């Protein structure tokens, strides 16, 4: 009877918290920082504050060149360093924004790969896929898989120089083509023409196949460029850093169902030269955006758009020493439809974060690096919407939850006043989601596990994933 009264009391004392989302950009610099070996940084778009999150010190890696991949389930960021680590062959690392802790999850040592690429990891079926430029059985790189649950990495392909095969990837990530379930990527070398290729990989059978042999006509030697999938027309798009009519690289499309590839842009210096970082599709306006490392009005790169329907390319901005130059990555879509990206260099030699408003046609330097906070930002930015608590109010919703005991030290039970599937989200005091769970009953037992002592917030949703309530939890 006393327990029932206690639960009723908790029921009426339940608290509702209102959340807002704060947009935060994450990225890497190849040099600078405390040890001169590069950094991982964040930039808060609401406060305009830049923070150095990791200073690479050789042991945990050095010279990060890849993009950060964000795992929405674990709320962690993953990427590579090109060198450093125990064997100076590079590392794969994770970073937890809620705790500020970074961990080396793979130490490359030649046998499992060397010099992980300048691209990004690809998450597929709760695992991460990536490639290295060297190492492996034959010394020409590997395609590997990392399982966050087991902490183990597996080599799936040992690239070699067999005639017509792909090898030496320089940062291309893998993209899933939904119609056939295959992953597609690019290599800098190999193929029948020795100019690189597009290949497919079957994650079920482990079979890899060269599907396009690149050459001087349809592009050559793709570097950090990554493929993207356009759902509206079923095509993949990418860039090569060389080849094409003017040998300044191309932007191409590829249809995995027909096997046909087509050159969309032949870069010719004035409209850009040597694109490295791939392209981005804005699903709001249907345009493809990209950057080139050189060319343009000042020979320091451009920001451009392409209409895939009409084939029209537009130069949106010519980079220069004062406002940033020589971008290696690509732009991303941010709040308000603005584009955000990194320029590797500037007047002081350290690079900038920039934004571009396609509607107003306005370019802006958002942040200028100063070496101590990083130098030579490389690759592309990653946007994460961090939730924060903005207000507290009483709950009047009849669909309510009760948590007992609270505070707790080992476990606590979450009680719902109706049956059916429920969804649970656990946030720490900073508003960072640290756990998700599903419940098919009217109660759920939450184990403490690795939760440290402190205050947490338990957010609940019903079977339609409609918000019910949020309860303050105290772990002793």
Protein backbone atom coordinates (compact mmCIF):
# COMPACT_ATOMS: atom_id res chain seq x y z
CA UNK A 1 0.00 0.00 0.00
CA UNK A 2 2.82 2.41 0.89
CA UNK A 3 4.60 1.64 -2.39
CA UNK A 4 1.37 2.36 -4.31
CA UNK A 5 0.95 5.71 -2.54
CA UNK A 6 4.58 6.54 -3.33
CA UNK A 7 4.06 5.74 -7.01
CA UNK A 8 0.93 7.92 -7.13
CA UNK A 9 2.87 10.76 -5.51
CA UNK A 10 5.67 10.42 -8.06
CA UNK A 11 3.05 10.31 -10.82
CA UNK A 12 1.81 13.80 -9.92
CA UNK A 13 5.29 15.17 -9.30
CA UNK A 14 6.60 14.10 -12.70
CA UNK A 15 8.29 16.92 -14.57
CA UNK A 16 8.23 17.83 -18.27
CA UNK A 17 11.32 19.34 -19.90
CA UNK A 18 11.28 21.27 -23.17
CA UNK A 19 14.22 20.79 -25.51
CA UNK A 20 15.89 22.91 -28.17
CA UNK A 21 18.54 21.76 -30.61
CA UNK A 22 21.87 23.55 -30.84
CA UNK A 23 23.69 23.15 -34.19
CA UNK A 24 27.36 22.26 -33.70
CA UNK A 25 29.91 21.75 -36.47
CA UNK A 26 32.74 19.22 -35.99
CA UNK A 27 35.88 18.87 -38.09
CA UNK A 28 39.61 18.17 -38.16
CA UNK A 29 42.80 20.07 -38.94
CA UNK A 30 45.84 18.34 -40.37
CA UNK A 31 48.35 20.43 -38.37
CA UNK A 32 48.51 22.87 -35.51
CA UNK A 33 47.17 22.43 -32.02
CA UNK A 34 49.14 21.83 -28.83
CA UNK A 35 51.60 19.36 -30.39
CA UNK A 36 51.47 20.50 -34.01
CA UNK A 37 49.99 17.17 -35.11
CA UNK A 38 46.44 18.31 -35.80
CA UNK A 39 43.18 18.62 -33.90
CA UNK A 40 39.53 17.72 -33.73
CA UNK A 41 37.47 20.85 -33.17
CA UNK A 42 33.87 21.96 -32.72
CA UNK A 43 32.19 25.21 -33.67
CA UNK A 44 28.90 26.15 -31.99
CA UNK A 45 26.75 28.03 -34.50
CA UNK A 46 24.61 29.52 -31.71
CA UNK A 47 27.44 30.91 -29.59
CA UNK A 48 30.06 31.33 -32.39
CA UNK A 49 32.54 29.54 -30.14
CA UNK A 50 35.30 27.24 -31.44
CA UNK A 51 36.71 24.57 -29.12
CA UNK A 52 39.64 22.19 -29.53
CA UNK A 53 38.44 18.73 -28.52
CA UNK A 54 41.49 16.58 -29.31
CA UNK A 55 45.16 17.55 -29.64
CA UNK A 56 46.90 14.69 -31.42
CA UNK A 57 50.17 13.76 -29.75
CA UNK A 58 51.54 11.06 -32.09
CA UNK A 59 50.59 8.22 -29.72
CA UNK A 60 46.88 8.75 -30.39
CA UNK A 61 47.61 9.57 -34.02
CA UNK A 62 48.72 12.53 -36.09
CA UNK A 63 47.62 14.31 -39.24
CA UNK A 64 43.87 13.60 -39.46
CA UNK A 65 42.71 13.91 -43.07
CA UNK A 66 39.30 12.27 -43.02
CA UNK A 67 35.80 13.49 -42.31
CA UNK A 68 34.14 12.74 -38.99
CA UNK A 69 31.32 10.18 -39.12
CA UNK A 70 28.56 10.59 -36.52
CA UNK A 71 26.88 7.47 -35.13
CA UNK A 72 23.37 8.51 -34.03
CA UNK A 73 22.93 5.37 -31.92
CA UNK A 74 26.03 5.72 -29.73
CA UNK A 75 26.22 9.53 -30.15
CA UNK A 76 29.92 9.21 -30.96
CA UNK A 77 32.12 10.60 -33.71
CA UNK A 78 34.57 8.38 -35.61
CA UNK A 79 37.42 9.13 -38.00
CA UNK A 80 41.07 8.45 -38.92
CA UNK A 81 44.54 9.86 -38.50
CA UNK A 82 46.79 9.33 -41.50
CA UNK A 83 49.94 8.71 -39.43
CA UNK A 84 50.88 8.19 -35.81
CA UNK A 85 49.79 5.52 -33.43
CA UNK A 86 51.98 2.76 -32.04
CA UNK A 87 53.25 1.68 -35.48
CA UNK A 88 53.09 5.11 -37.17
CA UNK A 89 50.63 3.69 -39.68
CA UNK A 90 47.62 5.71 -38.55
CA UNK A 91 44.68 5.14 -36.26
CA UNK A 92 40.90 5.04 -36.17
CA UNK A 93 39.53 6.95 -33.19
CA UNK A 94 36.24 7.77 -31.51
CA UNK A 95 35.15 10.89 -29.66
CA UNK A 96 32.26 11.20 -27.21
CA UNK A 97 30.89 14.78 -27.17
CA UNK A 98 29.04 14.20 -23.89
CA UNK A 99 32.14 13.17 -21.92
CA UNK A 100 34.91 14.76 -23.97
CA UNK A 101 36.70 11.41 -24.07
CA UNK A 102 38.56 10.15 -27.14
CA UNK A 103 39.69 6.58 -27.68
CA UNK A 104 41.84 4.78 -30.23
CA UNK A 105 39.67 1.95 -31.55
CA UNK A 106 42.05 0.66 -34.28
CA UNK A 107 45.82 0.90 -34.39
CA UNK A 108 46.93 0.23 -37.95
CA UNK A 109 50.15 -1.77 -38.30
CA UNK A 110 50.55 -2.63 -42.00
CA UNK A 111 48.99 -6.09 -41.75
CA UNK A 112 45.52 -4.60 -41.15
CA UNK A 113 46.19 -1.53 -43.28
CA UNK A 114 48.36 1.58 -43.37
CA UNK A 115 47.55 5.27 -43.95
CA UNK A 116 43.76 5.26 -43.63
CA UNK A 117 42.21 7.48 -46.28
CA UNK A 118 41.22 11.08 -46.46
CA UNK A 119 37.53 10.29 -46.88
CA UNK A 120 34.99 9.10 -44.36
CA UNK A 121 33.76 5.95 -42.73
CA UNK A 122 30.51 4.47 -44.00
CA UNK A 123 28.02 3.06 -41.50
CA UNK A 124 26.06 0.05 -42.75
CA UNK A 125 24.20 -2.57 -40.71
CA UNK A 126 25.60 -1.15 -37.44
CA UNK A 127 29.19 -1.53 -38.66
CA UNK A 128 31.69 0.92 -40.12
CA UNK A 129 33.42 0.35 -43.45
CA UNK A 130 36.59 2.15 -44.51
CA UNK A 131 39.72 1.88 -46.65
CA UNK A 132 43.45 2.46 -46.27
CA UNK A 133 45.86 3.66 -48.95
CA UNK A 134 48.62 1.19 -48.06
CA UNK A 135 49.35 -1.91 -46.04
CA UNK A 136 47.51 -5.18 -46.09
CA UNK A 137 48.69 -8.46 -47.56
CA UNK A 138 50.10 -6.89 -50.73
CA UNK A 139 50.91 -3.38 -49.52
CA UNK A 140 48.31 -1.59 -51.68
CA UNK A 141 45.64 -0.93 -49.09
CA UNK A 142 42.65 -2.72 -47.63
CA UNK A 143 38.90 -2.43 -47.27
CA UNK A 144 38.04 -3.12 -43.64
CA UNK A 145 35.05 -3.34 -41.34
CA UNK A 146 34.85 -2.20 -37.71
CA UNK A 147 32.18 -3.45 -35.29
CA UNK A 148 31.59 -0.94 -32.42
CA UNK A 149 29.84 -3.61 -30.33
CA UNK A 150 32.80 -6.01 -30.29
CA UNK A 151 35.57 -3.46 -30.85
CA UNK A 152 37.05 -5.68 -33.57
CA UNK A 153 38.13 -4.83 -37.11
CA UNK A 154 38.20 -7.26 -40.03
CA UNK A 155 39.99 -7.03 -43.38
CA UNK A 156 37.49 -7.65 -46.19
CA UNK A 157 39.68 -6.90 -49.25
CA UNK A 158 43.45 -6.89 -49.64
CA UNK A 159 43.94 -4.67 -52.68
CA UNK A 160 46.57 -5.85 -55.17
CA UNK A 161 47.96 -4.97 -58.60
CA UNK A 162 46.45 -7.86 -60.52
CA UNK A 163 45.69 -6.66 -64.06
CA UNK A 164 42.41 -4.72 -64.16
CA UNK A 165 41.90 -4.73 -60.37
CA UNK A 166 41.41 -1.70 -58.11
CA UNK A 167 44.02 -0.58 -55.57
CA UNK A 168 45.41 2.41 -53.69
CA UNK A 169 42.23 4.17 -52.48
CA UNK A 170 42.86 7.79 -51.46
CA UNK A 171 39.92 8.55 -49.27
CA UNK A 172 36.79 7.59 -51.18
CA UNK A 173 34.12 6.35 -48.84
CA UNK A 174 31.62 3.65 -49.71
CA UNK A 175 28.02 4.48 -50.56
CA UNK A 176 25.09 2.06 -50.47
CA UNK A 177 23.01 1.68 -53.62
CA UNK A 178 19.59 0.56 -52.28
CA UNK A 179 18.34 -1.07 -55.50
CA UNK A 180 20.95 -3.85 -55.41
CA UNK A 181 22.33 -3.68 -51.85
CA UNK A 182 25.91 -3.15 -53.05
CA UNK A 183 28.46 -0.66 -51.72
CA UNK A 184 30.32 1.48 -54.27
CA UNK A 185 33.68 3.21 -53.92
CA UNK A 186 36.65 4.53 -55.92
CA UNK A 187 40.39 3.96 -56.01
CA UNK A 188 43.15 6.32 -57.15
CA UNK A 189 45.02 3.57 -59.01
CA UNK A 190 44.29 0.35 -60.86
CA UNK A 191 41.73 -0.59 -63.46
CA UNK A 192 42.60 -1.53 -67.02
CA UNK A 193 43.98 1.96 -67.72
CA UNK A 194 45.90 2.41 -64.47
CA UNK A 195 43.96 5.64 -63.80
CA UNK A 196 41.75 4.35 -61.00
CA UNK A 197 38.25 2.95 -61.08
CA UNK A 198 34.81 2.69 -59.56
CA UNK A 199 34.17 -0.65 -57.89
CA UNK A 200 31.33 -2.41 -56.13
CA UNK A 201 31.49 -4.53 -52.98
CA UNK A 202 28.91 -7.06 -51.86
CA UNK A 203 28.84 -7.02 -48.02
CA UNK A 204 27.07 -10.41 -47.98
CA UNK A 205 29.36 -12.39 -50.30
CA UNK A 206 32.51 -10.29 -49.89
CA UNK A 207 32.91 -10.05 -53.67
CA UNK A 208 34.39 -6.90 -55.25
CA UNK A 209 34.00 -5.96 -58.92
CA UNK A 210 35.44 -3.14 -61.04
CA UNK A 211 32.44 -1.50 -62.72
CA UNK A 212 34.07 1.56 -64.39
CA UNK A 213 37.64 1.82 -65.62
CA UNK A 214 38.65 5.48 -65.48
CA UNK A 215 40.86 7.07 -68.14
CA UNK A 216 41.79 10.48 -69.49
CA UNK A 217 38.39 10.83 -71.18
CA UNK A 218 35.97 9.99 -68.36
CA UNK A 219 38.24 11.20 -65.54
CA UNK A 220 41.27 9.87 -63.73
CA UNK A 221 42.73 9.43 -60.25
CA UNK A 222 39.92 10.27 -57.81
CA UNK A 223 41.38 11.45 -54.50
CA UNK A 224 39.39 12.45 -51.41
CA UNK A 225 36.24 12.53 -53.53
CA UNK A 226 33.32 10.45 -52.33
CA UNK A 227 30.31 9.14 -54.22
CA UNK A 228 26.79 10.33 -53.42
CA UNK A 229 23.43 8.76 -54.23
CA UNK A 230 20.66 10.80 -55.85
CA UNK A 231 17.37 9.13 -54.93
CA UNK A 232 15.36 11.18 -57.43
CA UNK A 233 17.08 9.72 -60.52
CA UNK A 234 18.87 6.65 -59.16
CA UNK A 235 22.34 7.90 -60.15
CA UNK A 236 25.63 8.09 -58.28
CA UNK A 237 27.76 11.24 -58.62
CA UNK A 238 31.45 11.82 -57.98
CA UNK A 239 34.56 13.70 -59.10
CA UNK A 240 38.08 12.86 -60.25
CA UNK A 241 41.04 15.13 -59.60
CA UNK A 242 42.56 14.64 -63.08
CA UNK A 243 41.54 13.56 -66.56
CA UNK A 244 38.77 14.91 -68.73
CA UNK A 245 39.02 17.18 -71.76
CA UNK A 246 41.42 19.63 -70.06
CA UNK A 247 43.06 17.16 -67.63
CA UNK A 248 41.75 19.21 -64.68
CA UNK A 249 39.29 16.61 -63.48
CA UNK A 250 35.61 15.89 -64.08
CA UNK A 251 32.28 15.57 -62.33
CA UNK A 252 30.53 12.40 -63.50
CA UNK A 253 27.36 10.42 -63.02
CA UNK A 254 27.08 6.62 -62.93
CA UNK A 255 24.03 4.39 -63.20
CA UNK A 256 24.67 1.08 -61.36
CA UNK A 257 21.68 -0.58 -63.07
CA UNK A 258 22.77 0.15 -66.64
CA UNK A 259 26.53 0.41 -66.01
CA UNK A 260 26.68 3.72 -67.88
CA UNK A 261 28.85 6.64 -66.73
CA UNK A 262 28.65 10.19 -68.13
CA UNK A 263 30.83 13.28 -67.72
CA UNK A 264 28.74 16.18 -66.42
CA UNK A 265 31.53 18.79 -66.02
CA UNK A 266 34.95 19.00 -67.62
CA UNK A 267 36.85 21.37 -65.34
CA UNK A 268 38.92 23.87 -67.34
CA UNK A 269 40.68 26.15 -64.80
CA UNK A 270 38.20 29.03 -65.17
CA UNK A 271 35.35 26.85 -63.89
CA UNK A 272 37.64 25.20 -61.34
CA UNK A 273 40.43 22.67 -61.37
CA UNK A 274 41.38 19.51 -59.45
CA UNK A 275 38.31 18.75 -57.29
CA UNK A 276 39.29 16.57 -54.33
CA UNK A 277 36.40 16.37 -51.93
CA UNK A 278 33.40 14.99 -53.76
CA UNK A 279 29.99 16.59 -54.12
CA UNK A 280 26.89 17.27 -52.00
CA UNK A 281 23.25 17.04 -53.08
CA UNK A 282 20.81 19.62 -51.70
CA UNK A 283 17.50 17.76 -51.75
CA UNK A 284 15.62 21.05 -51.16
CA UNK A 285 16.53 22.60 -54.50
CA UNK A 286 17.88 19.55 -56.34
CA UNK A 287 21.28 21.15 -56.98
CA UNK A 288 24.67 19.49 -56.57
CA UNK A 289 27.38 21.53 -54.84
CA UNK A 290 31.14 21.03 -54.82
CA UNK A 291 34.57 22.61 -54.31
CA UNK A 292 37.75 22.57 -56.35
CA UNK A 293 41.22 22.81 -54.86
CA UNK A 294 42.53 25.19 -57.53
CA UNK A 295 41.40 27.07 -60.61
CA UNK A 296 38.93 29.90 -60.76
CA UNK A 297 39.59 33.65 -60.90
CA UNK A 298 42.53 33.53 -58.46
CA UNK A 299 43.67 29.94 -59.13
CA UNK A 300 42.86 29.08 -55.49
CA UNK A 301 39.69 27.07 -55.98
CA UNK A 302 35.96 27.69 -56.36
CA UNK A 303 32.58 26.84 -54.89
CA UNK A 304 30.19 25.73 -57.63
CA UNK A 305 26.75 24.27 -58.24
CA UNK A 306 25.42 21.91 -60.90
CA UNK A 307 21.84 21.42 -62.00
CA UNK A 308 21.75 17.67 -62.78
CA UNK A 309 18.65 18.13 -64.95
CA UNK A 310 19.89 20.89 -67.24
CA UNK A 311 23.60 20.15 -66.82
CA UNK A 312 24.32 23.84 -66.08
CA UNK A 313 27.30 24.62 -63.84
CA UNK A 314 27.52 27.93 -61.94
CA UNK A 315 30.61 29.36 -60.21
CA UNK A 316 29.33 30.70 -56.88
CA UNK A 317 32.54 31.93 -55.25
CA UNK A 318 36.21 32.30 -56.18
CA UNK A 319 38.47 31.58 -53.22
CA UNK A 320 41.35 33.97 -52.44
CA UNK A 321 44.08 34.37 -49.81
CA UNK A 322 42.08 36.81 -47.68
CA UNK A 323 38.81 34.84 -47.43
CA UNK A 324 40.22 31.30 -47.57
CA UNK A 325 41.78 29.19 -50.28
CA UNK A 326 42.53 25.69 -51.57
CA UNK A 327 39.62 23.68 -50.10
CA UNK A 328 40.19 19.91 -50.04
CA UNK A 329 36.82 18.71 -48.84
CA UNK A 330 33.22 19.51 -49.60
CA UNK A 331 30.36 21.64 -48.29
CA UNK A 332 27.51 20.40 -46.08
CA UNK A 333 23.96 21.68 -45.70
CA UNK A 334 23.41 23.55 -42.43
CA UNK A 335 20.64 25.50 -40.66
CA UNK A 336 18.64 27.92 -42.78
CA UNK A 337 19.69 26.23 -46.01
CA UNK A 338 23.22 27.64 -45.76
CA UNK A 339 26.27 25.73 -46.91
CA UNK A 340 29.27 25.29 -44.59
CA UNK A 341 32.78 24.19 -45.46
CA UNK A 342 36.52 24.41 -44.80
CA UNK A 343 39.25 26.19 -46.71
CA UNK A 344 42.67 24.68 -46.14
CA UNK A 345 44.57 27.96 -46.31
CA UNK A 346 44.22 31.74 -45.89
CA UNK A 347 46.36 34.87 -45.59
CA UNK A 348 47.90 33.57 -42.34
CA UNK A 349 48.32 30.02 -43.60
CA UNK A 350 45.92 28.34 -41.15
CA UNK A 351 42.59 28.15 -42.97
CA UNK A 352 38.97 29.11 -42.24
CA UNK A 353 35.44 27.83 -41.68
CA UNK A 354 33.09 29.49 -44.17
CA UNK A 355 29.40 29.67 -44.95
CA UNK A 356 27.54 30.41 -48.17
CA UNK A 357 23.91 31.45 -48.49
CA UNK A 358 22.60 30.22 -51.88
CA UNK A 359 19.52 32.46 -51.71
CA UNK A 360 21.39 35.68 -50.92
CA UNK A 361 24.49 34.54 -52.86
CA UNK A 362 26.58 35.63 -49.87
CA UNK A 363 29.91 34.13 -48.75
CA UNK A 364 31.13 34.67 -45.18
CA UNK A 365 34.19 33.65 -43.14
CA UNK A 366 32.72 32.12 -40.00
CA UNK A 367 35.97 31.37 -38.17
CA UNK A 368 39.70 31.88 -38.82
CA UNK A 369 42.14 29.35 -37.35
CA UNK A 370 45.26 30.55 -35.49
CA UNK A 371 47.50 27.43 -35.39
CA UNK A 372 47.09 26.82 -31.64
CA UNK A 373 43.47 25.84 -32.35
CA UNK A 374 44.42 23.98 -35.50
CA UNK A 375 45.97 24.65 -38.87
CA UNK A 376 45.06 23.34 -42.32
CA UNK A 377 41.42 22.23 -41.82
CA UNK A 378 40.99 19.21 -44.04
CA UNK A 379 38.00 17.42 -45.50
CA UNK A 380 34.38 18.28 -44.74
CA UNK A 381 32.48 19.38 -41.66
CA UNK A 382 29.97 17.24 -39.76
CA UNK A 383 26.79 18.81 -38.35
CA UNK A 384 25.33 17.48 -35.09
CA UNK A 385 22.16 18.88 -33.53
CA UNK A 386 22.80 18.76 -29.78
CA UNK A 387 19.64 18.86 -27.61
CA UNK A 388 19.54 21.17 -24.56
CA UNK A 389 16.87 21.71 -21.89
CA UNK A 390 15.19 25.10 -22.26
CA UNK A 391 12.29 25.00 -19.77
CA UNK A 392 10.61 22.92 -17.06
CA UNK A 393 6.88 22.56 -16.49
CA UNK A 394 4.40 20.26 -14.80
CA UNK A 395 2.96 17.31 -16.71
CA UNK A 396 -0.79 17.14 -17.26
CA UNK A 397 -0.74 14.49 -19.99
CA UNK A 398 -2.76 11.45 -18.93
CA UNK A 399 -0.17 9.24 -20.59
CA UNK A 400 2.38 9.38 -17.82
CA UNK A 401 5.33 7.47 -16.46
CA UNK A 402 6.64 6.69 -13.01
CA UNK A 403 10.21 5.77 -12.07
CA UNK A 404 10.90 3.84 -8.87
CA UNK A 405 13.25 3.94 -7.00
CA UNK A 406 14.60 7.40 -7.73
CA UNK A 407 17.40 8.08 -6.74
CA UNK A 408 18.84 4.62 -7.50
CA UNK A 409 22.23 2.93 -7.37
CA UNK A 410 21.88 -0.37 -9.27
CA UNK A 411 18.64 -0.31 -11.29
CA UNK A 412 15.27 1.43 -11.47
CA UNK A 413 11.90 0.53 -12.99
CA UNK A 414 10.07 2.71 -15.49
CA UNK A 415 6.29 2.23 -15.23
CA UNK A 416 3.81 3.29 -17.93
CA UNK A 417 0.09 3.71 -17.22
CA UNK A 418 -0.87 1.91 -20.44
CA UNK A 419 0.39 -1.16 -22.30
CA UNK A 420 1.94 -1.22 -25.77
CA UNK A 421 5.31 -0.34 -27.20
CA UNK A 422 7.15 2.59 -25.65
CA UNK A 423 10.43 4.29 -26.49
CA UNK A 424 12.94 5.52 -23.92
CA UNK A 425 15.72 8.07 -24.35
CA UNK A 426 18.26 8.87 -21.63
CA UNK A 427 20.07 12.24 -21.60
CA UNK A 428 22.89 13.48 -19.39
CA UNK A 429 22.89 16.88 -17.68
CA UNK A 430 24.31 18.60 -20.79
CA UNK A 431 21.41 17.39 -22.93
CA UNK A 432 23.44 14.73 -24.78
CA UNK A 433 21.52 11.54 -25.59
CA UNK A 434 23.45 8.59 -24.16
CA UNK A 435 21.01 5.67 -24.41
CA UNK A 436 17.90 4.56 -26.30
CA UNK A 437 15.64 1.57 -25.58
CA UNK A 438 12.31 0.03 -26.59
CA UNK A 439 9.74 -1.48 -24.22
CA UNK A 440 6.89 -3.78 -25.32
CA UNK A 441 5.30 -3.95 -21.87
CA UNK A 442 4.05 -1.54 -19.23
CA UNK A 443 7.38 -1.56 -17.39
CA UNK A 444 11.08 -1.40 -18.20
CA UNK A 445 14.04 -2.06 -15.92
CA UNK A 446 16.84 0.42 -16.46
CA UNK A 447 20.24 -0.87 -15.36
CA UNK A 448 22.87 1.53 -14.11
CA UNK A 449 25.74 -0.24 -15.94
CA UNK A 450 28.39 2.40 -16.67
CA UNK A 451 26.36 5.44 -15.65
CA UNK A 452 28.34 7.65 -13.32
CA UNK A 453 26.74 9.26 -10.28
CA UNK A 454 24.79 12.39 -11.16
CA UNK A 455 21.61 13.77 -12.71
CA UNK A 456 20.00 12.39 -15.88
CA UNK A 457 16.75 12.94 -17.77
CA UNK A 458 14.56 10.08 -18.96
CA UNK A 459 12.44 11.05 -21.99
CA UNK A 460 9.59 8.72 -23.03
CA UNK A 461 7.49 8.32 -26.19
CA UNK A 462 4.45 6.19 -27.03
CA UNK A 463 4.09 3.60 -29.82
CA UNK A 464 3.52 6.37 -32.39
CA UNK A 465 6.71 7.94 -31.06
CA UNK A 466 4.71 10.86 -29.67
CA UNK A 467 6.18 12.57 -26.61
CA UNK A 468 4.80 11.48 -23.20
CA UNK A 469 6.97 12.96 -20.47
CA UNK A 470 10.49 13.49 -19.13
CA UNK A 471 11.54 12.45 -15.63
CA UNK A 472 14.58 13.65 -13.73
CA UNK A 473 16.76 10.71 -12.60
CA UNK A 474 19.37 10.73 -9.89
CA UNK A 475 22.08 8.03 -9.89
CA UNK A 476 23.81 7.63 -6.52
